[in-house]
Amino acid sequence: MKALYIPTLLGLLAWTAAAGCASTPPTAPGESVSVTRVPASASPAESPSSRIEQIRIPSHALGREMTVSVYLPPGYDPDVRYPVLYALYGYGGTHASWFDYLSLDDVADRLIREGRLHPLLIVSPDYGNSFGVNSSPADGRDPGTVSIGRYEDYLMQEVVPYVDDRYSTQDNKSGRSIGGASMGGYAALYLGFNHPGLFGKVGAHSAALWTYSASDLFTDQRDWLYASEALRAKRDPFKLISPDKLAGMRVYLDAGEYDPLAEQDQALYEALKAQGIDAVWSPAPGGHDAGYWSSQLERYLLFYAGKK
């Protein structure tokens, strides 16, 4: 089945279209463009506001520059160490999708203003349609829409160190989270489970997962990712569950009750719980679309950096 071209996932098409409307002024490598946003609910007296920087990072792993959006909380202070959330978009999105399309920054601003959320950085890197893995043309049959290259190396070995060097971050496992929606949910699980020393929390929202059941969707992508048993052992989140490796990690999984991927996501939750992993399953009304994800943003942020 071809990705994106089914009615139940039209939300991803809308994500793609909206993300494509954003433009980034040209910059030199490593430079940034700061975009100041004032929340719609805020009055001018409630400044300072948050801002979003768009950074171009030269990637040796990919052989080109990549763009990363970084949300800085209101009153960002370089003398304060902030937790960091790495937010990965769904298939067809861009670095700007979480902010321009879902307004994640506005929700973060409100929760910080209400005293319910620790001020944090939210980092959303471009990573194509790569699922966050290192891949090569020899891996398997390309379904024609995926991005091939050393994307895992770019994200883990280049983006994370760059962010820690450029910004005032809590540069340890307890200060880092990774999460994403749809393809980004898969990527967050894959990267989080393979790099447990980097992330204390992993969030998979409507994650693209497969159980090799009759209800599997996007089987062309599944068969590309898991083209051999060896690749599946390295890439399948079900195969990456290890009580020893994931000890101390918290995992949040959710999906809309009408999402055709909910069955697979719940199966992963049950597999994690069976192995004693600290996991939460939090379904809610909705489908696999922007309306559902927008309705859940507050819950996502409170999981990653909420005040107790």
C-alpha atoms as a PDB file:
ATOM      1  CA  MET A   1       0.000   0.000   0.000  1.00  0.00           C
ATOM      2  CA  LYS A   2       1.375   3.379  -0.940  1.00  0.00           C
ATOM      3  CA  ALA A   3       1.932   5.867   1.861  1.00  0.00           C
ATOM      4  CA  LEU A   4      -0.225   8.952   2.201  1.00  0.00           C
ATOM      5  CA  TYR A   5      -2.722   8.054  -0.496  1.00  0.00           C
ATOM      6  CA  ILE A   6      -5.533   6.727   1.655  1.00  0.00           C
ATOM      7  CA  PRO A   7      -8.453   8.729   3.054  1.00  0.00           C
ATOM      8  CA  THR A   8      -7.733   7.899   6.700  1.00  0.00           C
ATOM      9  CA  LEU A   9      -4.414   9.734   6.507  1.00  0.00           C
ATOM     10  CA  LEU A  10      -5.405  12.908   4.703  1.00  0.00           C
ATOM     11  CA  GLY A  11      -4.220  14.774   7.798  1.00  0.00           C
ATOM     12  CA  LEU A  12      -0.660  14.032   6.737  1.00  0.00           C
ATOM     13  CA  LEU A  13      -1.313  15.487   3.304  1.00  0.00           C
ATOM     14  CA  ALA A  14      -2.562  18.661   4.961  1.00  0.00           C
ATOM     15  CA  TRP A  15       0.547  18.659   7.160  1.00  0.00           C
ATOM     16  CA  THR A  16       2.667  18.481   4.014  1.00  0.00           C
ATOM     17  CA  ALA A  17       0.825  21.280   2.271  1.00  0.00           C
ATOM     18  CA  ALA A  18       0.929  23.622   5.244  1.00  0.00           C
ATOM     19  CA  ALA A  19       4.578  22.927   5.938  1.00  0.00           C
ATOM     20  CA  GLY A  20       5.437  23.689   2.339  1.00  0.00           C
ATOM     21  CA  CYS A  21       4.092  27.219   2.742  1.00  0.00           C
ATOM     22  CA  ALA A  22       6.822  28.171   5.212  1.00  0.00           C
ATOM     23  CA  SER A  23       9.911  29.897   3.860  1.00  0.00           C
ATOM     24  CA  THR A  24      13.330  30.317   5.393  1.00  0.00           C
ATOM     25  CA  PRO A  25      15.430  33.339   4.475  1.00  0.00           C
ATOM     26  CA  PRO A  26      18.908  32.393   3.248  1.00  0.00           C
ATOM     27  CA  THR A  27      21.656  32.224   5.840  1.00  0.00           C
ATOM     28  CA  ALA A  28      25.274  31.206   5.995  1.00  0.00           C
ATOM     29  CA  PRO A  29      26.068  27.796   7.515  1.00  0.00           C
ATOM     30  CA  GLY A  30      25.523  27.852  11.264  1.00  0.00           C
ATOM     31  CA  GLU A  31      23.703  31.176  11.170  1.00  0.00           C
ATOM     32  CA  SER A  32      20.111  31.422  12.350  1.00  0.00           C
ATOM     33  CA  VAL A  33      16.977  33.369  11.647  1.00  0.00           C
ATOM     34  CA  SER A  34      15.086  34.341  14.803  1.00  0.00           C
ATOM     35  CA  VAL A  35      11.321  34.520  14.480  1.00  0.00           C
ATOM     36  CA  THR A  36       9.574  36.111  17.430  1.00  0.00           C
ATOM     37  CA  ARG A  37       6.057  34.904  18.122  1.00  0.00           C
ATOM     38  CA  VAL A  38       3.623  36.484  20.586  1.00  0.00           C
ATOM     39  CA  PRO A  39       0.975  33.968  21.674  1.00  0.00           C
ATOM     40  CA  ALA A  40      -2.526  34.879  20.531  1.00  0.00           C
ATOM     41  CA  SER A  41      -3.716  34.784  24.142  1.00  0.00           C
ATOM     42  CA  ALA A  42      -0.956  37.043  25.438  1.00  0.00           C
ATOM     43  CA  SER A  43      -1.064  40.793  25.878  1.00  0.00           C
ATOM     44  CA  PRO A  44       1.901  43.031  24.991  1.00  0.00           C
ATOM     45  CA  ALA A  45       2.642  43.358  28.708  1.00  0.00           C
ATOM     46  CA  GLU A  46       3.358  39.628  28.896  1.00  0.00           C
ATOM     47  CA  SER A  47       6.669  39.869  27.081  1.00  0.00           C
ATOM     48  CA  PRO A  48       9.316  38.595  26.792  1.00  0.00           C
ATOM     49  CA  SER A  49       7.891  36.118  24.337  1.00  0.00           C
ATOM     50  CA  SER A  50       9.326  32.900  23.036  1.00  0.00           C
ATOM     51  CA  ARG A  51      11.134  32.761  19.725  1.00  0.00           C
ATOM     52  CA  ILE A  52      11.998  30.194  17.106  1.00  0.00           C
ATOM     53  CA  GLU A  53      15.414  30.051  15.497  1.00  0.00           C
ATOM     54  CA  GLN A  54      15.916  28.339  12.183  1.00  0.00           C
ATOM     55  CA  ILE A  55      19.458  27.033  11.930  1.00  0.00           C
ATOM     56  CA  ARG A  56      21.334  25.504   9.022  1.00  0.00           C
ATOM     57  CA  ILE A  57      23.721  22.763  10.134  1.00  0.00           C
ATOM     58  CA  PRO A  58      26.407  21.434   7.775  1.00  0.00           C
ATOM     59  CA  SER A  59      25.972  17.651   7.893  1.00  0.00           C
ATOM     60  CA  HIS A  60      28.989  15.523   7.107  1.00  0.00           C
ATOM     61  CA  ALA A  61      26.847  12.381   7.401  1.00  0.00           C
ATOM     62  CA  LEU A  62      24.504  13.558   4.631  1.00  0.00           C
ATOM     63  CA  GLY A  63      26.920  15.733   2.662  1.00  0.00           C
ATOM     64  CA  ARG A  64      24.716  18.836   2.714  1.00  0.00           C
ATOM     65  CA  GLU A  65      23.249  21.483   4.978  1.00  0.00           C
ATOM     66  CA  MET A  66      20.103  20.694   6.944  1.00  0.00           C
ATOM     67  CA  THR A  67      17.642  23.044   8.603  1.00  0.00           C
ATOM     68  CA  VAL A  68      16.609  22.775  12.248  1.00  0.00           C
ATOM     69  CA  SER A  69      13.945  24.819  14.057  1.00  0.00           C
ATOM     70  CA  VAL A  70      14.623  25.547  17.717  1.00  0.00           C
ATOM     71  CA  TYR A  71      11.981  26.906  20.082  1.00  0.00           C
ATOM     72  CA  LEU A  72      13.459  29.040  22.870  1.00  0.00           C
ATOM     73  CA  PRO A  73      11.114  29.660  25.825  1.00  0.00           C
ATOM     74  CA  PRO A  74      10.061  33.126  27.001  1.00  0.00           C
ATOM     75  CA  GLY A  75      12.968  34.843  28.746  1.00  0.00           C
ATOM     76  CA  TYR A  76      15.534  32.313  27.511  1.00  0.00           C
ATOM     77  CA  ASP A  77      18.662  32.837  29.635  1.00  0.00           C
ATOM     78  CA  PRO A  78      22.010  31.390  28.511  1.00  0.00           C
ATOM     79  CA  ASP A  79      22.990  31.055  32.166  1.00  0.00           C
ATOM     80  CA  VAL A  80      20.122  28.611  32.830  1.00  0.00           C
ATOM     81  CA  ARG A  81      20.253  24.967  31.778  1.00  0.00           C
ATOM     82  CA  TYR A  82      17.056  23.894  29.990  1.00  0.00           C
ATOM     83  CA  PRO A  83      15.609  20.455  29.225  1.00  0.00           C
ATOM     84  CA  VAL A  84      15.332  19.659  25.527  1.00  0.00           C
ATOM     85  CA  LEU A  85      12.600  17.934  23.529  1.00  0.00           C
ATOM     86  CA  TYR A  86      13.502  16.637  20.075  1.00  0.00           C
ATOM     87  CA  ALA A  87      10.220  16.729  18.107  1.00  0.00           C
ATOM     88  CA  LEU A  88      10.063  14.680  14.898  1.00  0.00           C
ATOM     89  CA  TYR A  89       7.409  15.393  12.277  1.00  0.00           C
ATOM     90  CA  GLY A  90       5.266  12.975  10.284  1.00  0.00           C
ATOM     91  CA  TYR A  91       5.772  11.775   6.725  1.00  0.00           C
ATOM     92  CA  GLY A  92       5.997  14.696   4.302  1.00  0.00           C
ATOM     93  CA  GLY A  93       6.563  17.329   6.999  1.00  0.00           C
ATOM     94  CA  THR A  94       9.443  19.708   7.627  1.00  0.00           C
ATOM     95  CA  HIS A  95      11.332  21.210  10.536  1.00  0.00           C
ATOM     96  CA  ALA A  96       8.607  23.882  10.765  1.00  0.00           C
ATOM     97  CA  SER A  97       5.576  21.590  10.879  1.00  0.00           C
ATOM     98  CA  TRP A  98       5.202  21.316  14.668  1.00  0.00           C
ATOM     99  CA  PHE A  99       5.190  25.107  14.944  1.00  0.00           C
ATOM    100  CA  ASP A 100       3.652  26.471  11.739  1.00  0.00           C
ATOM    101  CA  TYR A 101       1.020  23.772  11.393  1.00  0.00           C
ATOM    102  CA  LEU A 102       0.283  22.500  14.924  1.00  0.00           C
ATOM    103  CA  SER A 103       1.307  25.628  16.918  1.00  0.00           C
ATOM    104  CA  LEU A 104       3.247  23.622  19.483  1.00  0.00           C
ATOM    105  CA  ASP A 105       5.058  26.808  20.505  1.00  0.00           C
ATOM    106  CA  ASP A 106       1.800  28.530  21.455  1.00  0.00           C
ATOM    107  CA  VAL A 107       0.800  25.615  23.679  1.00  0.00           C
ATOM    108  CA  ALA A 108       4.237  25.589  25.314  1.00  0.00           C
ATOM    109  CA  ASP A 109       4.051  29.347  25.923  1.00  0.00           C
ATOM    110  CA  ARG A 110       0.663  28.999  27.611  1.00  0.00           C
ATOM    111  CA  LEU A 111       1.692  26.112  29.851  1.00  0.00           C
ATOM    112  CA  ILE A 112       4.874  27.907  30.893  1.00  0.00           C
ATOM    113  CA  ARG A 113       2.886  31.059  31.623  1.00  0.00           C
ATOM    114  CA  GLU A 114       0.441  29.018  33.728  1.00  0.00           C
ATOM    115  CA  GLY A 115       3.324  27.540  35.730  1.00  0.00           C
ATOM    116  CA  ARG A 116       2.559  23.976  34.625  1.00  0.00           C
ATOM    117  CA  LEU A 117       5.516  23.381  32.323  1.00  0.00           C
ATOM    118  CA  HIS A 118       9.222  23.772  32.914  1.00  0.00           C
ATOM    119  CA  PRO A 119      10.703  26.157  30.334  1.00  0.00           C
ATOM    120  CA  LEU A 120      12.320  23.966  27.706  1.00  0.00           C
ATOM    121  CA  LEU A 121      13.888  23.965  24.257  1.00  0.00           C
ATOM    122  CA  ILE A 122      12.015  22.195  21.471  1.00  0.00           C
ATOM    123  CA  VAL A 123      14.240  21.107  18.594  1.00  0.00           C
ATOM    124  CA  SER A 124      12.651  19.993  15.320  1.00  0.00           C
ATOM    125  CA  PRO A 125      15.189  18.950  12.683  1.00  0.00           C
ATOM    126  CA  ASP A 126      14.608  18.269   9.023  1.00  0.00           C
ATOM    127  CA  TYR A 127      15.228  14.574   8.392  1.00  0.00           C
ATOM    128  CA  GLY A 128      13.435  14.044   5.108  1.00  0.00           C
ATOM    129  CA  ASN A 129      11.193  10.987   4.886  1.00  0.00           C
ATOM    130  CA  SER A 130      13.975   8.851   6.337  1.00  0.00           C
ATOM    131  CA  PHE A 131      12.286   7.330   9.419  1.00  0.00           C
ATOM    132  CA  GLY A 132      15.477   8.411  11.226  1.00  0.00           C
ATOM    133  CA  VAL A 133      17.521   5.377  10.175  1.00  0.00           C
ATOM    134  CA  ASN A 134      20.838   4.979   8.433  1.00  0.00           C
ATOM    135  CA  SER A 135      20.046   3.493   5.034  1.00  0.00           C
ATOM    136  CA  SER A 136      21.644   2.787   1.680  1.00  0.00           C
ATOM    137  CA  PRO A 137      20.296   1.883  -1.774  1.00  0.00           C
ATOM    138  CA  ALA A 138      21.389  -1.710  -1.147  1.00  0.00           C
ATOM    139  CA  ASP A 139      19.166  -2.135   1.918  1.00  0.00           C
ATOM    140  CA  GLY A 140      15.961  -3.045   0.166  1.00  0.00           C
ATOM    141  CA  ARG A 141      13.390  -2.065  -2.429  1.00  0.00           C
ATOM    142  CA  ASP A 142      12.831   1.684  -2.243  1.00  0.00           C
ATOM    143  CA  PRO A 143       9.072   2.394  -2.247  1.00  0.00           C
ATOM    144  CA  GLY A 144       9.939   5.592  -4.104  1.00  0.00           C
ATOM    145  CA  THR A 145       9.178   8.202  -1.481  1.00  0.00           C
ATOM    146  CA  VAL A 146      11.638   7.551   1.348  1.00  0.00           C
ATOM    147  CA  SER A 147      14.859   9.480   1.991  1.00  0.00           C
ATOM    148  CA  ILE A 148      18.016   7.398   1.909  1.00  0.00           C
ATOM    149  CA  GLY A 149      21.221   8.296   3.739  1.00  0.00           C
ATOM    150  CA  ARG A 150      22.931   8.352   7.123  1.00  0.00           C
ATOM    151  CA  TYR A 151      20.063  10.108   8.901  1.00  0.00           C
ATOM    152  CA  GLU A 152      20.583   8.418  12.251  1.00  0.00           C
ATOM    153  CA  ASP A 153      24.208   9.572  12.320  1.00  0.00           C
ATOM    154  CA  TYR A 154      23.133  13.085  11.344  1.00  0.00           C
ATOM    155  CA  LEU A 155      20.519  13.271  14.101  1.00  0.00           C
ATOM    156  CA  MET A 156      22.458  11.612  16.911  1.00  0.00           C
ATOM    157  CA  GLN A 157      26.056  12.559  16.121  1.00  0.00           C
ATOM    158  CA  GLU A 158      25.549  16.013  14.626  1.00  0.00           C
ATOM    159  CA  VAL A 159      22.258  17.611  15.669  1.00  0.00           C
ATOM    160  CA  VAL A 160      22.324  16.661  19.367  1.00  0.00           C
ATOM    161  CA  PRO A 161      25.944  17.779  19.963  1.00  0.00           C
ATOM    162  CA  TYR A 162      25.357  20.959  17.932  1.00  0.00           C
ATOM    163  CA  VAL A 163      22.338  21.902  20.042  1.00  0.00           C
ATOM    164  CA  ASP A 164      24.196  21.195  23.288  1.00  0.00           C
ATOM    165  CA  ASP A 165      27.120  23.310  22.113  1.00  0.00           C
ATOM    166  CA  ARG A 166      25.073  26.244  20.810  1.00  0.00           C
ATOM    167  CA  TYR A 167      22.415  26.473  23.521  1.00  0.00           C
ATOM    168  CA  SER A 168      22.256  26.208  27.295  1.00  0.00           C
ATOM    169  CA  THR A 169      20.901  22.698  27.686  1.00  0.00           C
ATOM    170  CA  GLN A 170      20.718  19.949  30.243  1.00  0.00           C
ATOM    171  CA  ASP A 171      23.110  17.813  28.237  1.00  0.00           C
ATOM    172  CA  ASN A 172      22.336  14.481  29.855  1.00  0.00           C
ATOM    173  CA  LYS A 173      19.783  11.681  29.640  1.00  0.00           C
ATOM    174  CA  SER A 174      17.504  13.105  32.308  1.00  0.00           C
ATOM    175  CA  GLY A 175      17.362  16.435  30.463  1.00  0.00           C
ATOM    176  CA  ARG A 176      16.585  15.062  27.000  1.00  0.00           C
ATOM    177  CA  SER A 177      13.367  13.691  25.505  1.00  0.00           C
ATOM    178  CA  ILE A 178      12.508  12.590  21.999  1.00  0.00           C
ATOM    179  CA  GLY A 179       9.047  12.285  20.507  1.00  0.00           C
ATOM    180  CA  GLY A 180       7.198  12.396  17.235  1.00  0.00           C
ATOM    181  CA  ALA A 181       3.993  11.755  15.340  1.00  0.00           C
ATOM    182  CA  SER A 182       3.344   9.017  12.771  1.00  0.00           C
ATOM    183  CA  MET A 183       6.694   8.477  10.981  1.00  0.00           C
ATOM    184  CA  GLY A 184       8.178  10.667  13.707  1.00  0.00           C
ATOM    185  CA  GLY A 185       6.694   8.372  16.346  1.00  0.00           C
ATOM    186  CA  TYR A 186       8.484   5.423  14.782  1.00  0.00           C
ATOM    187  CA  ALA A 187      11.705   7.448  14.546  1.00  0.00           C
ATOM    188  CA  ALA A 188      11.473   8.508  18.191  1.00  0.00           C
ATOM    189  CA  LEU A 189      11.103   4.880  19.294  1.00  0.00           C
ATOM    190  CA  TYR A 190      13.884   3.693  17.007  1.00  0.00           C
ATOM    191  CA  LEU A 191      16.333   6.399  18.046  1.00  0.00           C
ATOM    192  CA  GLY A 192      15.358   6.382  21.713  1.00  0.00           C
ATOM    193  CA  PHE A 193      15.619   2.607  22.064  1.00  0.00           C
ATOM    194  CA  ASN A 194      18.939   2.492  20.187  1.00  0.00           C
ATOM    195  CA  HIS A 195      20.415   5.423  22.137  1.00  0.00           C
ATOM    196  CA  PRO A 196      19.059   5.008  25.675  1.00  0.00           C
ATOM    197  CA  GLY A 197      22.040   6.853  27.094  1.00  0.00           C
ATOM    198  CA  LEU A 198      20.849  10.043  25.388  1.00  0.00           C
ATOM    199  CA  PHE A 199      17.131  10.134  26.243  1.00  0.00           C
ATOM    200  CA  GLY A 200      15.197   9.703  29.454  1.00  0.00           C
ATOM    201  CA  LYS A 201      11.751   9.961  27.854  1.00  0.00           C
ATOM    202  CA  VAL A 202      10.383   8.754  24.529  1.00  0.00           C
ATOM    203  CA  GLY A 203       6.991   9.696  23.088  1.00  0.00           C
ATOM    204  CA  ALA A 204       5.370   7.896  20.156  1.00  0.00           C
ATOM    205  CA  HIS A 205       2.203   9.616  18.998  1.00  0.00           C
ATOM    206  CA  SER A 206       0.214   7.634  16.411  1.00  0.00           C
ATOM    207  CA  ALA A 207       3.460   5.855  15.595  1.00  0.00           C
ATOM    208  CA  ALA A 208       3.923   4.051  12.278  1.00  0.00           C
ATOM    209  CA  LEU A 209       4.418   0.480  13.482  1.00  0.00           C
ATOM    210  CA  TRP A 210       3.913  -2.992  12.058  1.00  0.00           C
ATOM    211  CA  THR A 211       3.025  -6.357  13.589  1.00  0.00           C
ATOM    212  CA  TYR A 212       2.888  -8.370  10.337  1.00  0.00           C
ATOM    213  CA  SER A 213      -0.839  -8.753  10.800  1.00  0.00           C
ATOM    214  CA  ALA A 214      -3.627  -8.272   8.271  1.00  0.00           C
ATOM    215  CA  SER A 215      -4.205  -4.770   9.661  1.00  0.00           C
ATOM    216  CA  ASP A 216      -0.701  -3.516   8.787  1.00  0.00           C
ATOM    217  CA  LEU A 217      -0.648  -0.373   6.627  1.00  0.00           C
ATOM    218  CA  PHE A 218       2.138   1.108   4.483  1.00  0.00           C
ATOM    219  CA  THR A 219       3.561  -2.357   3.877  1.00  0.00           C
ATOM    220  CA  ASP A 220       5.884  -1.007   1.170  1.00  0.00           C
ATOM    221  CA  GLN A 221       7.578   1.126   3.808  1.00  0.00           C
ATOM    222  CA  ARG A 222       7.608  -1.788   6.253  1.00  0.00           C
ATOM    223  CA  ASP A 223       9.234  -4.044   3.675  1.00  0.00           C
ATOM    224  CA  TRP A 224      11.846  -1.367   2.927  1.00  0.00           C
ATOM    225  CA  LEU A 225      12.691  -0.789   6.584  1.00  0.00           C
ATOM    226  CA  TYR A 226      12.676  -4.510   7.396  1.00  0.00           C
ATOM    227  CA  ALA A 227      14.035  -5.839   4.102  1.00  0.00           C
ATOM    228  CA  SER A 228      15.886  -8.619   5.926  1.00  0.00           C
ATOM    229  CA  GLU A 229      15.718 -10.233   9.337  1.00  0.00           C
ATOM    230  CA  ALA A 230      19.006  -8.542  10.198  1.00  0.00           C
ATOM    231  CA  LEU A 231      17.591  -5.100   9.389  1.00  0.00           C
ATOM    232  CA  ARG A 232      14.391  -5.857  11.254  1.00  0.00           C
ATOM    233  CA  ALA A 233      16.375  -6.863  14.336  1.00  0.00           C
ATOM    234  CA  LYS A 234      18.139  -3.475  14.193  1.00  0.00           C
ATOM    235  CA  ARG A 235      15.123  -1.312  13.345  1.00  0.00           C
ATOM    236  CA  ASP A 236      11.886  -2.810  14.665  1.00  0.00           C
ATOM    237  CA  PRO A 237      10.943  -1.227  18.034  1.00  0.00           C
ATOM    238  CA  PHE A 238       9.334  -4.536  19.048  1.00  0.00           C
ATOM    239  CA  LYS A 239      12.729  -6.207  18.589  1.00  0.00           C
ATOM    240  CA  LEU A 240      14.571  -3.432  20.428  1.00  0.00           C
ATOM    241  CA  ILE A 241      12.781  -3.903  23.758  1.00  0.00           C
ATOM    242  CA  SER A 242      15.405  -4.710  26.380  1.00  0.00           C
ATOM    243  CA  PRO A 243      14.733  -4.371  30.115  1.00  0.00           C
ATOM    244  CA  ASP A 244      18.426  -3.760  30.737  1.00  0.00           C
ATOM    245  CA  LYS A 245      18.948  -1.152  27.995  1.00  0.00           C
ATOM    246  CA  LEU A 246      15.672   0.669  28.631  1.00  0.00           C
ATOM    247  CA  ALA A 247      15.860   0.639  32.414  1.00  0.00           C
ATOM    248  CA  GLY A 248      14.902   4.067  33.755  1.00  0.00           C
ATOM    249  CA  MET A 249      13.347   5.214  30.483  1.00  0.00           C
ATOM    250  CA  ARG A 250       9.739   6.428  30.399  1.00  0.00           C
ATOM    251  CA  VAL A 251       7.696   5.778  27.259  1.00  0.00           C
ATOM    252  CA  TYR A 252       4.423   7.474  26.294  1.00  0.00           C
ATOM    253  CA  LEU A 253       2.294   5.954  23.542  1.00  0.00           C
ATOM    254  CA  ASP A 254      -1.013   7.194  22.232  1.00  0.00           C
ATOM    255  CA  ALA A 255      -3.237   7.129  19.175  1.00  0.00           C
ATOM    256  CA  GLY A 256      -6.698   8.260  18.197  1.00  0.00           C
ATOM    257  CA  GLU A 257      -9.380   5.701  18.897  1.00  0.00           C
ATOM    258  CA  TYR A 258     -10.240   5.672  15.170  1.00  0.00           C
ATOM    259  CA  ASP A 259      -6.635   5.594  14.007  1.00  0.00           C
ATOM    260  CA  PRO A 260      -5.920   2.497  11.883  1.00  0.00           C
ATOM    261  CA  LEU A 261      -2.479   2.350  13.532  1.00  0.00           C
ATOM    262  CA  ALA A 262      -3.836   2.247  17.095  1.00  0.00           C
ATOM    263  CA  GLU A 263      -3.837  -1.566  17.221  1.00  0.00           C
ATOM    264  CA  GLN A 264      -0.108  -1.749  16.490  1.00  0.00           C
ATOM    265  CA  ASP A 265       0.707   1.056  18.924  1.00  0.00           C
ATOM    266  CA  GLN A 266      -1.215  -0.614  21.730  1.00  0.00           C
ATOM    267  CA  ALA A 267       0.558  -3.892  20.958  1.00  0.00           C
ATOM    268  CA  LEU A 268       3.909  -2.167  21.518  1.00  0.00           C
ATOM    269  CA  TYR A 269       2.675  -0.770  24.821  1.00  0.00           C
ATOM    270  CA  GLU A 270       1.675  -4.253  25.946  1.00  0.00           C
ATOM    271  CA  ALA A 271       5.053  -5.646  24.874  1.00  0.00           C
ATOM    272  CA  LEU A 272       6.853  -2.934  26.847  1.00  0.00           C
ATOM    273  CA  LYS A 273       4.780  -3.515  29.970  1.00  0.00           C
ATOM    274  CA  ALA A 274       5.380  -7.267  29.713  1.00  0.00           C
ATOM    275  CA  GLN A 275       9.114  -6.526  29.947  1.00  0.00           C
ATOM    276  CA  GLY A 276       8.717  -4.195  32.929  1.00  0.00           C
ATOM    277  CA  ILE A 277       9.348  -0.962  30.988  1.00  0.00           C
ATOM    278  CA  ASP A 278       7.775   2.218  32.384  1.00  0.00           C
ATOM    279  CA  ALA A 279       5.236   2.792  29.623  1.00  0.00           C
ATOM    280  CA  VAL A 280       1.903   4.616  29.359  1.00  0.00           C
ATOM    281  CA  TRP A 281      -0.872   3.987  26.833  1.00  0.00           C
ATOM    282  CA  SER A 282      -3.096   7.046  26.473  1.00  0.00           C
ATOM    283  CA  PRO A 283      -5.627   6.763  23.622  1.00  0.00           C
ATOM    284  CA  ALA A 284      -8.174   9.507  23.028  1.00  0.00           C
ATOM    285  CA  PRO A 285     -11.006  10.250  20.596  1.00  0.00           C
ATOM    286  CA  GLY A 286      -9.760  11.077  17.112  1.00  0.00           C
ATOM    287  CA  GLY A 287      -8.064   9.720  14.037  1.00  0.00           C
ATOM    288  CA  HIS A 288      -4.646   9.932  12.399  1.00  0.00           C
ATOM    289  CA  ASP A 289      -4.687  13.630  11.655  1.00  0.00           C
ATOM    290  CA  ALA A 290      -3.763  17.125  12.756  1.00  0.00           C
ATOM    291  CA  GLY A 291      -6.999  17.568  14.674  1.00  0.00           C
ATOM    292  CA  TYR A 292      -6.098  14.676  16.941  1.00  0.00           C
ATOM    293  CA  TRP A 293      -2.479  15.714  17.484  1.00  0.00           C
ATOM    294  CA  SER A 294      -3.480  19.326  18.171  1.00  0.00           C
ATOM    295  CA  SER A 295      -5.926  18.138  20.829  1.00  0.00           C
ATOM    296  CA  GLN A 296      -3.152  16.208  22.580  1.00  0.00           C
ATOM    297  CA  LEU A 297      -0.305  18.755  22.568  1.00  0.00           C
ATOM    298  CA  GLU A 298      -0.854  19.762  26.182  1.00  0.00           C
ATOM    299  CA  ARG A 299      -0.670  16.156  27.335  1.00  0.00           C
ATOM    300  CA  TYR A 300       2.467  15.574  25.283  1.00  0.00           C
ATOM    301  CA  LEU A 301       4.306  18.577  26.705  1.00  0.00           C
ATOM    302  CA  LEU A 302       3.299  17.787  30.279  1.00  0.00           C
ATOM    303  CA  PHE A 303       4.717  14.279  29.843  1.00  0.00           C
ATOM    304  CA  TYR A 304       8.035  15.625  28.582  1.00  0.00           C
ATOM    305  CA  ALA A 305       8.548  18.554  30.975  1.00  0.00           C
ATOM    306  CA  GLY A 306       5.520  19.044  33.173  1.00  0.00           C
ATOM    307  CA  LYS A 307       5.840  20.325  36.709  1.00  0.00           C
ATOM    308  CA  LYS A 308       4.722  17.861  39.350  1.00  0.00           C
END
